[in-house]
Amino acid sequence: MPNMLTPKRFDRVFLGMCDGYCFNNGEENAQAGTSMLVFDVSALGIHPYPSRNIMLDLKRESAAVINAMRCSMEKQEIGENCQTGRWPRPTNNLAEAVALRQLLHRTFEKEILHPHNFLHVWSDSQLVVNHVLGIFRKNNDQLKRQYNQIDNLTYKYEKKYGKAMWDNVHLKHISGKLMKIGPIGH
């Protein structure tokens, strides 16, 4: 279960923001994508507490450690429907889940997600946050596929570092209104 506080025993603290978007949500011609930014807030001297001022500060800040804005979701990101053999239609919820999975994978690959660091992750999808935190049941197969990949990452992290990944990650839902003020909102 993700940790809710940032202990002081970490070398660096990062803030990741992820967002998904979908035009023509769920329709045959739907197009979806993701955005993510990760900042080293310990280097910037910013405390990662969601507020309008912090979002405006980060919007002016150009030194993102990871900057992947408006990336189209490819079919391999969505996954094939096992029962029908067809690609599912993209939805906003699926794009939000893909964005979170991509952010966690990228931070793991770049060793930002590391036992000596702490990562705050903000998402404006309450559904995705509550799925990952185990508050809501996971019913949708395409979303389950994304969460299974997050679980696989958790396993890789624990195998590599010998400790639980969620001891170093705080996942938080923030309002879409607040997300739109910041550097990532769609």
N, C-alpha and C. Protein backbone atom coordinates (compact mmCIF):
# COMPACT_ATOMS: atom_id res chain seq x y z
N MET A 1 0.85 -1.18 0.00
CA MET A 1 0.00 0.00 0.00
C MET A 1 0.89 1.24 0.00
N PRO A 2 0.60 2.20 -0.84
CA PRO A 2 1.44 3.39 -0.93
C PRO A 2 1.53 4.15 0.39
N ASN A 3 2.71 4.70 0.62
CA ASN A 3 2.99 5.49 1.81
C ASN A 3 2.34 6.86 1.68
N MET A 4 1.82 7.41 2.76
CA MET A 4 1.11 8.68 2.71
C MET A 4 1.97 9.88 3.11
N LEU A 5 3.14 9.68 3.66
CA LEU A 5 3.99 10.78 4.10
C LEU A 5 5.36 10.68 3.44
N THR A 6 6.08 11.76 3.40
CA THR A 6 7.44 11.75 2.88
C THR A 6 8.41 11.71 4.06
N PRO A 7 8.97 10.54 4.38
CA PRO A 7 9.95 10.50 5.46
C PRO A 7 11.19 11.30 5.11
N LYS A 8 11.90 11.75 6.11
CA LYS A 8 13.06 12.61 5.90
C LYS A 8 14.33 11.84 5.57
N ARG A 9 14.26 10.55 5.46
CA ARG A 9 15.45 9.74 5.26
C ARG A 9 15.86 9.59 3.79
N PHE A 10 15.26 10.34 2.89
CA PHE A 10 15.56 10.20 1.47
C PHE A 10 16.50 11.30 1.00
N ASP A 11 17.36 10.94 0.04
CA ASP A 11 18.32 11.89 -0.51
C ASP A 11 17.64 12.96 -1.35
N ARG A 12 16.73 12.54 -2.21
CA ARG A 12 16.06 13.48 -3.12
C ARG A 12 14.57 13.18 -3.15
N VAL A 13 13.80 14.21 -3.40
CA VAL A 13 12.35 14.08 -3.50
C VAL A 13 11.93 14.56 -4.89
N PHE A 14 11.12 13.76 -5.55
CA PHE A 14 10.64 14.07 -6.90
C PHE A 14 9.13 14.20 -6.89
N LEU A 15 8.62 14.97 -7.83
CA LEU A 15 7.19 15.11 -8.04
C LEU A 15 6.89 14.75 -9.48
N GLY A 16 6.05 13.74 -9.65
CA GLY A 16 5.62 13.35 -10.98
C GLY A 16 4.14 13.68 -11.16
N MET A 17 3.81 14.21 -12.31
CA MET A 17 2.42 14.48 -12.66
C MET A 17 2.12 13.74 -13.95
N CYS A 18 0.99 13.04 -13.97
CA CYS A 18 0.61 12.32 -15.17
C CYS A 18 -0.85 12.62 -15.50
N ASP A 19 -1.14 12.63 -16.77
CA ASP A 19 -2.50 12.93 -17.22
C ASP A 19 -2.75 12.19 -18.52
N GLY A 20 -3.96 11.72 -18.69
CA GLY A 20 -4.37 11.10 -19.93
C GLY A 20 -5.47 11.94 -20.56
N TYR A 21 -5.62 11.80 -21.85
CA TYR A 21 -6.68 12.54 -22.54
C TYR A 21 -7.22 11.68 -23.67
N CYS A 22 -8.45 11.93 -24.03
CA CYS A 22 -9.06 11.18 -25.12
C CYS A 22 -10.05 12.08 -25.85
N PHE A 23 -9.89 12.18 -27.15
CA PHE A 23 -10.84 12.89 -28.00
C PHE A 23 -11.83 11.87 -28.53
N ASN A 24 -13.10 12.19 -28.54
CA ASN A 24 -14.16 11.26 -28.96
C ASN A 24 -14.14 10.00 -28.09
N ASN A 25 -14.14 10.22 -26.80
CA ASN A 25 -14.02 9.18 -25.78
C ASN A 25 -14.87 7.94 -26.06
N GLY A 26 -14.22 6.79 -26.26
CA GLY A 26 -14.90 5.52 -26.43
C GLY A 26 -15.51 5.30 -27.81
N GLU A 27 -15.46 6.28 -28.68
CA GLU A 27 -16.03 6.15 -30.03
C GLU A 27 -15.06 5.42 -30.94
N GLU A 28 -15.55 5.03 -32.09
CA GLU A 28 -14.71 4.31 -33.04
C GLU A 28 -13.52 5.14 -33.52
N ASN A 29 -13.70 6.44 -33.63
CA ASN A 29 -12.62 7.32 -34.09
C ASN A 29 -11.87 7.99 -32.92
N ALA A 30 -11.98 7.41 -31.74
CA ALA A 30 -11.32 8.00 -30.56
C ALA A 30 -9.81 7.99 -30.71
N GLN A 31 -9.19 9.06 -30.21
CA GLN A 31 -7.73 9.14 -30.17
C GLN A 31 -7.33 9.56 -28.77
N ALA A 32 -6.40 8.83 -28.21
CA ALA A 32 -5.99 9.08 -26.83
C ALA A 32 -4.49 9.29 -26.74
N GLY A 33 -4.08 9.90 -25.64
CA GLY A 33 -2.66 10.13 -25.41
C GLY A 33 -2.39 10.40 -23.95
N THR A 34 -1.12 10.59 -23.65
CA THR A 34 -0.68 10.78 -22.27
C THR A 34 0.34 11.91 -22.20
N SER A 35 0.46 12.47 -21.00
CA SER A 35 1.51 13.45 -20.71
C SER A 35 2.05 13.15 -19.33
N MET A 36 3.32 13.43 -19.14
CA MET A 36 3.91 13.29 -17.81
C MET A 36 5.08 14.24 -17.67
N LEU A 37 5.25 14.73 -16.47
CA LEU A 37 6.41 15.55 -16.10
C LEU A 37 6.90 15.06 -14.75
N VAL A 38 8.19 15.06 -14.57
CA VAL A 38 8.78 14.73 -13.27
C VAL A 38 9.79 15.81 -12.94
N PHE A 39 9.67 16.38 -11.74
CA PHE A 39 10.56 17.43 -11.26
C PHE A 39 11.32 16.96 -10.04
N ASP A 40 12.57 17.37 -9.91
CA ASP A 40 13.35 17.15 -8.70
C ASP A 40 13.02 18.31 -7.76
N VAL A 41 11.99 18.14 -6.94
CA VAL A 41 11.54 19.25 -6.10
C VAL A 41 12.51 19.55 -4.96
N SER A 42 13.34 18.58 -4.59
CA SER A 42 14.35 18.86 -3.56
C SER A 42 15.37 19.85 -4.10
N ALA A 43 15.71 19.77 -5.38
CA ALA A 43 16.65 20.72 -5.99
C ALA A 43 16.00 22.09 -6.21
N LEU A 44 14.68 22.09 -6.42
CA LEU A 44 13.98 23.34 -6.66
C LEU A 44 13.56 24.05 -5.37
N GLY A 45 13.66 23.33 -4.25
CA GLY A 45 13.26 23.92 -2.98
C GLY A 45 11.76 24.07 -2.83
N ILE A 46 11.00 23.20 -3.49
CA ILE A 46 9.54 23.25 -3.44
C ILE A 46 9.03 22.06 -2.65
N HIS A 47 8.09 22.31 -1.73
CA HIS A 47 7.45 21.21 -1.02
C HIS A 47 6.26 20.74 -1.85
N PRO A 48 6.19 19.45 -2.17
CA PRO A 48 5.15 18.96 -3.07
C PRO A 48 3.77 18.85 -2.41
N TYR A 49 3.18 19.98 -2.07
CA TYR A 49 1.81 20.02 -1.54
C TYR A 49 0.94 20.66 -2.61
N PRO A 50 -0.12 19.98 -3.05
CA PRO A 50 -0.91 20.51 -4.17
C PRO A 50 -1.53 21.87 -3.86
N SER A 51 -1.14 22.87 -4.61
CA SER A 51 -1.73 24.19 -4.46
C SER A 51 -1.59 24.94 -5.77
N ARG A 52 -2.36 25.99 -5.92
CA ARG A 52 -2.31 26.82 -7.12
C ARG A 52 -0.92 27.43 -7.30
N ASN A 53 -0.31 27.91 -6.22
CA ASN A 53 1.01 28.54 -6.31
C ASN A 53 2.07 27.56 -6.79
N ILE A 54 2.06 26.34 -6.26
CA ILE A 54 3.05 25.35 -6.69
C ILE A 54 2.85 25.02 -8.16
N MET A 55 1.60 24.88 -8.58
CA MET A 55 1.35 24.58 -9.99
C MET A 55 1.87 25.71 -10.88
N LEU A 56 1.67 26.93 -10.47
CA LEU A 56 2.17 28.06 -11.26
C LEU A 56 3.70 28.10 -11.24
N ASP A 57 4.32 27.81 -10.09
CA ASP A 57 5.79 27.74 -10.02
C ASP A 57 6.32 26.67 -10.96
N LEU A 58 5.69 25.50 -10.95
CA LEU A 58 6.15 24.42 -11.81
C LEU A 58 5.90 24.73 -13.29
N LYS A 59 4.86 25.49 -13.58
CA LYS A 59 4.58 25.87 -14.96
C LYS A 59 5.70 26.76 -15.51
N ARG A 60 6.27 27.59 -14.64
CA ARG A 60 7.37 28.47 -15.04
C ARG A 60 8.71 27.73 -15.07
N GLU A 61 8.79 26.61 -14.36
CA GLU A 61 10.03 25.84 -14.25
C GLU A 61 10.23 25.01 -15.51
N SER A 62 11.39 25.11 -16.11
CA SER A 62 11.63 24.37 -17.36
C SER A 62 12.54 23.16 -17.16
N ALA A 63 12.95 22.91 -15.94
CA ALA A 63 13.94 21.85 -15.69
C ALA A 63 13.28 20.55 -15.24
N ALA A 64 12.38 20.03 -16.04
CA ALA A 64 11.77 18.74 -15.72
C ALA A 64 12.80 17.64 -15.97
N VAL A 65 12.88 16.69 -15.07
CA VAL A 65 13.78 15.55 -15.21
C VAL A 65 13.25 14.62 -16.31
N ILE A 66 11.94 14.46 -16.35
CA ILE A 66 11.28 13.71 -17.43
C ILE A 66 10.20 14.62 -17.99
N ASN A 67 10.20 14.76 -19.31
CA ASN A 67 9.23 15.62 -19.97
C ASN A 67 8.70 14.87 -21.18
N ALA A 68 7.51 14.34 -21.08
CA ALA A 68 6.88 13.64 -22.20
C ALA A 68 5.46 14.16 -22.33
N MET A 69 5.31 15.19 -23.13
CA MET A 69 4.01 15.85 -23.26
C MET A 69 3.30 15.42 -24.53
N ARG A 70 2.02 15.17 -24.39
CA ARG A 70 1.10 14.85 -25.50
C ARG A 70 1.63 13.75 -26.40
N CYS A 71 1.87 12.60 -25.81
CA CYS A 71 2.33 11.43 -26.55
C CYS A 71 1.11 10.60 -26.94
N SER A 72 0.94 10.31 -28.21
CA SER A 72 -0.19 9.51 -28.66
C SER A 72 -0.06 8.09 -28.12
N MET A 73 -1.18 7.53 -27.72
CA MET A 73 -1.17 6.14 -27.27
C MET A 73 -1.19 5.25 -28.50
N GLU A 74 -0.26 4.34 -28.56
CA GLU A 74 -0.19 3.38 -29.66
C GLU A 74 -0.96 2.13 -29.27
N LYS A 75 -1.25 1.31 -30.26
CA LYS A 75 -2.03 0.10 -29.99
C LYS A 75 -1.35 -0.80 -28.96
N GLN A 76 -0.02 -0.87 -28.99
CA GLN A 76 0.67 -1.73 -28.03
C GLN A 76 0.51 -1.22 -26.60
N GLU A 77 0.22 0.07 -26.42
CA GLU A 77 -0.02 0.62 -25.08
C GLU A 77 -1.37 0.17 -24.54
N ILE A 78 -2.32 -0.01 -25.44
CA ILE A 78 -3.69 -0.33 -25.04
C ILE A 78 -3.85 -1.83 -24.83
N GLY A 79 -3.30 -2.61 -25.72
CA GLY A 79 -3.43 -4.06 -25.61
C GLY A 79 -4.64 -4.57 -26.39
N GLU A 80 -4.52 -5.77 -26.91
CA GLU A 80 -5.59 -6.37 -27.69
C GLU A 80 -6.62 -7.00 -26.75
N ASN A 81 -7.87 -6.95 -27.12
CA ASN A 81 -8.92 -7.61 -26.36
C ASN A 81 -8.78 -9.11 -26.59
N CYS A 82 -8.53 -9.85 -25.52
CA CYS A 82 -8.26 -11.28 -25.63
C CYS A 82 -9.48 -12.06 -26.15
N GLN A 83 -10.68 -11.61 -25.83
CA GLN A 83 -11.88 -12.35 -26.22
C GLN A 83 -12.26 -12.12 -27.68
N THR A 84 -12.11 -10.89 -28.16
CA THR A 84 -12.54 -10.59 -29.53
C THR A 84 -11.39 -10.53 -30.51
N GLY A 85 -10.16 -10.37 -30.03
CA GLY A 85 -9.01 -10.23 -30.91
C GLY A 85 -8.93 -8.87 -31.57
N ARG A 86 -9.74 -7.90 -31.08
CA ARG A 86 -9.74 -6.55 -31.64
C ARG A 86 -9.12 -5.58 -30.65
N TRP A 87 -8.68 -4.44 -31.18
CA TRP A 87 -8.16 -3.39 -30.33
C TRP A 87 -9.33 -2.67 -29.67
N PRO A 88 -9.26 -2.43 -28.37
CA PRO A 88 -10.36 -1.71 -27.72
C PRO A 88 -10.34 -0.24 -28.13
N ARG A 89 -11.48 0.38 -28.03
CA ARG A 89 -11.56 1.81 -28.30
C ARG A 89 -10.96 2.55 -27.11
N PRO A 90 -10.12 3.52 -27.40
CA PRO A 90 -9.51 4.28 -26.30
C PRO A 90 -10.56 5.06 -25.51
N THR A 91 -10.31 5.18 -24.21
CA THR A 91 -11.14 5.99 -23.33
C THR A 91 -10.23 6.87 -22.48
N ASN A 92 -10.82 7.87 -21.87
CA ASN A 92 -10.04 8.74 -21.00
C ASN A 92 -9.49 7.96 -19.80
N ASN A 93 -10.30 7.08 -19.20
CA ASN A 93 -9.83 6.30 -18.05
C ASN A 93 -8.64 5.42 -18.42
N LEU A 94 -8.71 4.81 -19.60
CA LEU A 94 -7.58 3.99 -20.05
C LEU A 94 -6.34 4.85 -20.25
N ALA A 95 -6.51 6.03 -20.84
CA ALA A 95 -5.37 6.94 -21.05
C ALA A 95 -4.76 7.36 -19.72
N GLU A 96 -5.60 7.61 -18.71
CA GLU A 96 -5.10 7.98 -17.37
C GLU A 96 -4.29 6.84 -16.76
N ALA A 97 -4.77 5.60 -16.90
CA ALA A 97 -4.05 4.44 -16.36
C ALA A 97 -2.72 4.23 -17.09
N VAL A 98 -2.73 4.39 -18.41
CA VAL A 98 -1.49 4.25 -19.19
C VAL A 98 -0.49 5.32 -18.76
N ALA A 99 -0.97 6.55 -18.54
CA ALA A 99 -0.08 7.64 -18.13
C ALA A 99 0.60 7.32 -16.80
N LEU A 100 -0.15 6.81 -15.84
CA LEU A 100 0.45 6.45 -14.55
C LEU A 100 1.46 5.32 -14.71
N ARG A 101 1.10 4.30 -15.48
CA ARG A 101 2.02 3.18 -15.69
C ARG A 101 3.31 3.66 -16.36
N GLN A 102 3.17 4.52 -17.38
CA GLN A 102 4.35 5.03 -18.07
C GLN A 102 5.23 5.84 -17.13
N LEU A 103 4.62 6.67 -16.31
CA LEU A 103 5.40 7.49 -15.37
C LEU A 103 6.19 6.59 -14.41
N LEU A 104 5.54 5.59 -13.84
CA LEU A 104 6.24 4.70 -12.91
C LEU A 104 7.36 3.93 -13.62
N HIS A 105 7.09 3.46 -14.83
CA HIS A 105 8.13 2.73 -15.57
C HIS A 105 9.31 3.63 -15.92
N ARG A 106 9.04 4.83 -16.39
CA ARG A 106 10.14 5.74 -16.75
C ARG A 106 10.99 6.10 -15.54
N THR A 107 10.34 6.38 -14.42
CA THR A 107 11.11 6.75 -13.23
C THR A 107 11.92 5.56 -12.72
N PHE A 108 11.42 4.36 -12.90
CA PHE A 108 12.17 3.16 -12.53
C PHE A 108 13.37 2.98 -13.45
N GLU A 109 13.15 3.14 -14.76
CA GLU A 109 14.24 2.98 -15.73
C GLU A 109 15.35 4.00 -15.51
N LYS A 110 14.99 5.23 -15.16
CA LYS A 110 15.98 6.29 -14.96
C LYS A 110 16.51 6.33 -13.53
N GLU A 111 16.13 5.35 -12.73
CA GLU A 111 16.54 5.21 -11.32
C GLU A 111 16.17 6.44 -10.48
N ILE A 112 15.11 7.10 -10.87
CA ILE A 112 14.50 8.11 -9.99
C ILE A 112 13.72 7.38 -8.92
N LEU A 113 13.01 6.34 -9.34
CA LEU A 113 12.31 5.46 -8.42
C LEU A 113 13.36 4.50 -7.86
N HIS A 114 13.88 4.86 -6.70
CA HIS A 114 15.06 4.21 -6.11
C HIS A 114 14.92 4.29 -4.59
N PRO A 115 15.46 3.35 -3.83
CA PRO A 115 15.30 3.38 -2.37
C PRO A 115 15.81 4.64 -1.68
N HIS A 116 16.74 5.37 -2.31
CA HIS A 116 17.26 6.60 -1.69
C HIS A 116 16.43 7.83 -2.03
N ASN A 117 15.46 7.68 -2.93
CA ASN A 117 14.63 8.80 -3.37
C ASN A 117 13.17 8.56 -2.98
N PHE A 118 12.41 9.64 -2.98
CA PHE A 118 10.97 9.55 -2.73
C PHE A 118 10.26 10.21 -3.90
N LEU A 119 9.19 9.58 -4.37
CA LEU A 119 8.45 10.07 -5.52
C LEU A 119 7.00 10.34 -5.14
N HIS A 120 6.58 11.59 -5.25
CA HIS A 120 5.17 11.97 -5.14
C HIS A 120 4.60 11.89 -6.54
N VAL A 121 3.44 11.27 -6.70
CA VAL A 121 2.79 11.18 -8.00
C VAL A 121 1.39 11.78 -7.88
N TRP A 122 1.11 12.75 -8.73
CA TRP A 122 -0.21 13.38 -8.76
C TRP A 122 -0.93 13.00 -10.04
N SER A 123 -2.19 12.65 -9.89
CA SER A 123 -3.05 12.34 -11.03
C SER A 123 -4.42 12.96 -10.78
N ASP A 124 -5.06 13.41 -11.83
CA ASP A 124 -6.41 13.96 -11.66
C ASP A 124 -7.48 12.89 -11.89
N SER A 125 -7.09 11.63 -12.00
CA SER A 125 -8.05 10.55 -12.15
C SER A 125 -8.27 9.85 -10.81
N GLN A 126 -9.38 10.19 -10.19
CA GLN A 126 -9.70 9.56 -8.90
C GLN A 126 -9.92 8.07 -9.08
N LEU A 127 -10.49 7.67 -10.21
CA LEU A 127 -10.72 6.25 -10.48
C LEU A 127 -9.40 5.48 -10.48
N VAL A 128 -8.43 5.96 -11.25
CA VAL A 128 -7.14 5.26 -11.36
C VAL A 128 -6.42 5.24 -10.02
N VAL A 129 -6.39 6.37 -9.32
CA VAL A 129 -5.73 6.41 -8.01
C VAL A 129 -6.39 5.43 -7.05
N ASN A 130 -7.71 5.42 -7.01
CA ASN A 130 -8.41 4.51 -6.10
C ASN A 130 -8.27 3.05 -6.51
N HIS A 131 -8.14 2.76 -7.79
CA HIS A 131 -7.86 1.39 -8.22
C HIS A 131 -6.49 0.95 -7.70
N VAL A 132 -5.49 1.78 -7.93
CA VAL A 132 -4.12 1.41 -7.54
C VAL A 132 -4.00 1.30 -6.01
N LEU A 133 -4.68 2.18 -5.29
CA LEU A 133 -4.65 2.13 -3.82
C LEU A 133 -5.48 0.99 -3.25
N GLY A 134 -6.25 0.31 -4.10
CA GLY A 134 -7.06 -0.81 -3.64
C GLY A 134 -8.38 -0.40 -3.03
N ILE A 135 -8.79 0.85 -3.23
CA ILE A 135 -10.05 1.34 -2.66
C ILE A 135 -11.24 0.90 -3.53
N PHE A 136 -11.07 0.94 -4.86
CA PHE A 136 -12.12 0.52 -5.79
C PHE A 136 -11.75 -0.83 -6.39
N ARG A 137 -12.77 -1.64 -6.68
CA ARG A 137 -12.57 -2.89 -7.41
C ARG A 137 -12.24 -2.59 -8.85
N LYS A 138 -11.44 -3.46 -9.46
CA LYS A 138 -11.04 -3.30 -10.86
C LYS A 138 -11.91 -4.22 -11.71
N ASN A 139 -12.79 -3.63 -12.51
CA ASN A 139 -13.71 -4.43 -13.31
C ASN A 139 -13.37 -4.45 -14.80
N ASN A 140 -12.74 -3.43 -15.31
CA ASN A 140 -12.48 -3.29 -16.73
C ASN A 140 -11.20 -4.02 -17.12
N ASP A 141 -11.30 -4.90 -18.14
CA ASP A 141 -10.14 -5.71 -18.54
C ASP A 141 -8.96 -4.89 -19.03
N GLN A 142 -9.24 -3.80 -19.80
CA GLN A 142 -8.14 -2.99 -20.31
C GLN A 142 -7.44 -2.26 -19.16
N LEU A 143 -8.20 -1.78 -18.19
CA LEU A 143 -7.58 -1.14 -17.02
C LEU A 143 -6.82 -2.17 -16.19
N LYS A 144 -7.39 -3.35 -16.03
CA LYS A 144 -6.69 -4.41 -15.27
C LYS A 144 -5.34 -4.71 -15.88
N ARG A 145 -5.27 -4.71 -17.21
CA ARG A 145 -4.00 -4.98 -17.90
C ARG A 145 -2.94 -3.94 -17.52
N GLN A 146 -3.35 -2.67 -17.43
CA GLN A 146 -2.41 -1.62 -17.04
C GLN A 146 -1.97 -1.81 -15.59
N TYR A 147 -2.92 -2.13 -14.71
CA TYR A 147 -2.60 -2.31 -13.30
C TYR A 147 -1.71 -3.55 -13.09
N ASN A 148 -1.91 -4.59 -13.90
CA ASN A 148 -1.04 -5.76 -13.82
C ASN A 148 0.40 -5.39 -14.17
N GLN A 149 0.56 -4.49 -15.13
CA GLN A 149 1.91 -4.05 -15.48
C GLN A 149 2.53 -3.21 -14.36
N ILE A 150 1.71 -2.45 -13.65
CA ILE A 150 2.21 -1.72 -12.47
C ILE A 150 2.61 -2.72 -11.39
N ASP A 151 1.80 -3.77 -11.20
CA ASP A 151 2.16 -4.82 -10.24
C ASP A 151 3.46 -5.51 -10.62
N ASN A 152 3.67 -5.75 -11.92
CA ASN A 152 4.93 -6.35 -12.38
C ASN A 152 6.11 -5.43 -12.07
N LEU A 153 5.92 -4.14 -12.23
CA LEU A 153 6.98 -3.19 -11.89
C LEU A 153 7.28 -3.23 -10.39
N THR A 154 6.23 -3.33 -9.59
CA THR A 154 6.40 -3.44 -8.14
C THR A 154 7.26 -4.66 -7.81
N TYR A 155 6.98 -5.77 -8.49
CA TYR A 155 7.76 -6.99 -8.28
C TYR A 155 9.22 -6.80 -8.70
N LYS A 156 9.45 -6.16 -9.87
CA LYS A 156 10.83 -5.90 -10.33
C LYS A 156 11.58 -5.02 -9.34
N TYR A 157 10.91 -4.00 -8.84
CA TYR A 157 11.53 -3.09 -7.87
C TYR A 157 11.94 -3.86 -6.62
N GLU A 158 11.02 -4.66 -6.10
CA GLU A 158 11.31 -5.42 -4.89
C GLU A 158 12.42 -6.44 -5.11
N LYS A 159 12.45 -7.03 -6.30
CA LYS A 159 13.50 -8.00 -6.62
C LYS A 159 14.86 -7.29 -6.73
N LYS A 160 14.88 -6.11 -7.35
CA LYS A 160 16.13 -5.38 -7.56
C LYS A 160 16.66 -4.77 -6.27
N TYR A 161 15.77 -4.16 -5.47
CA TYR A 161 16.22 -3.40 -4.30
C TYR A 161 15.94 -4.08 -2.96
N GLY A 162 15.15 -5.14 -2.94
CA GLY A 162 14.87 -5.83 -1.69
C GLY A 162 13.96 -5.06 -0.74
N LYS A 163 13.17 -4.16 -1.27
CA LYS A 163 12.21 -3.42 -0.43
C LYS A 163 10.99 -3.06 -1.25
N ALA A 164 9.90 -2.74 -0.57
CA ALA A 164 8.63 -2.45 -1.24
C ALA A 164 8.69 -1.10 -1.97
N MET A 165 8.27 -1.09 -3.23
CA MET A 165 8.27 0.14 -4.02
C MET A 165 7.39 1.21 -3.38
N TRP A 166 6.25 0.81 -2.83
CA TRP A 166 5.30 1.79 -2.30
C TRP A 166 5.81 2.47 -1.03
N ASP A 167 6.94 2.02 -0.47
CA ASP A 167 7.57 2.75 0.65
C ASP A 167 8.21 4.04 0.14
N ASN A 168 8.40 4.14 -1.16
CA ASN A 168 9.08 5.28 -1.77
C ASN A 168 8.18 6.09 -2.70
N VAL A 169 6.89 5.76 -2.72
CA VAL A 169 5.96 6.43 -3.63
C VAL A 169 4.70 6.84 -2.87
N HIS A 170 4.26 8.07 -3.11
CA HIS A 170 2.99 8.55 -2.57
C HIS A 170 2.13 8.95 -3.75
N LEU A 171 1.06 8.23 -3.95
CA LEU A 171 0.14 8.48 -5.05
C LEU A 171 -1.03 9.31 -4.53
N LYS A 172 -1.30 10.44 -5.19
CA LYS A 172 -2.32 11.36 -4.70
C LYS A 172 -3.21 11.83 -5.84
N HIS A 173 -4.52 11.85 -5.56
CA HIS A 173 -5.47 12.44 -6.51
C HIS A 173 -5.52 13.93 -6.26
N ILE A 174 -5.42 14.71 -7.34
CA ILE A 174 -5.64 16.15 -7.25
C ILE A 174 -6.75 16.50 -8.23
N SER A 175 -7.40 17.61 -8.01
CA SER A 175 -8.53 17.98 -8.86
C SER A 175 -8.07 18.29 -10.28
N GLY A 176 -8.96 18.03 -11.22
CA GLY A 176 -8.67 18.37 -12.61
C GLY A 176 -8.49 19.87 -12.78
N LYS A 177 -9.21 20.65 -11.98
CA LYS A 177 -9.08 22.11 -12.04
C LYS A 177 -7.66 22.54 -11.66
N LEU A 178 -7.12 21.92 -10.61
CA LEU A 178 -5.75 22.23 -10.19
C LEU A 178 -4.74 21.75 -11.23
N MET A 179 -4.99 20.58 -11.81
CA MET A 179 -4.08 20.03 -12.82
C MET A 179 -4.02 20.95 -14.04
N LYS A 180 -5.14 21.53 -14.42
CA LYS A 180 -5.17 22.41 -15.59
C LYS A 180 -4.39 23.70 -15.38
N ILE A 181 -4.24 24.13 -14.14
CA ILE A 181 -3.45 25.34 -13.84
C ILE A 181 -1.97 25.08 -14.10
N GLY A 182 -1.56 23.85 -13.83
CA GLY A 182 -0.13 23.51 -13.88
C GLY A 182 0.38 23.27 -15.28
N PRO A 183 1.60 22.75 -15.35
CA PRO A 183 2.28 22.61 -16.64
C PRO A 183 1.80 21.44 -17.50
N ILE A 184 0.91 20.60 -16.96
CA ILE A 184 0.58 19.37 -17.68
C ILE A 184 -0.88 19.28 -18.11
N GLY A 185 -1.75 20.05 -17.53
CA GLY A 185 -3.19 19.90 -17.77
C GLY A 185 -3.58 20.06 -19.22
N HIS A 186 -4.51 19.21 -19.63
CA HIS A 186 -4.99 19.24 -21.03
C HIS A 186 -6.26 20.04 -21.11
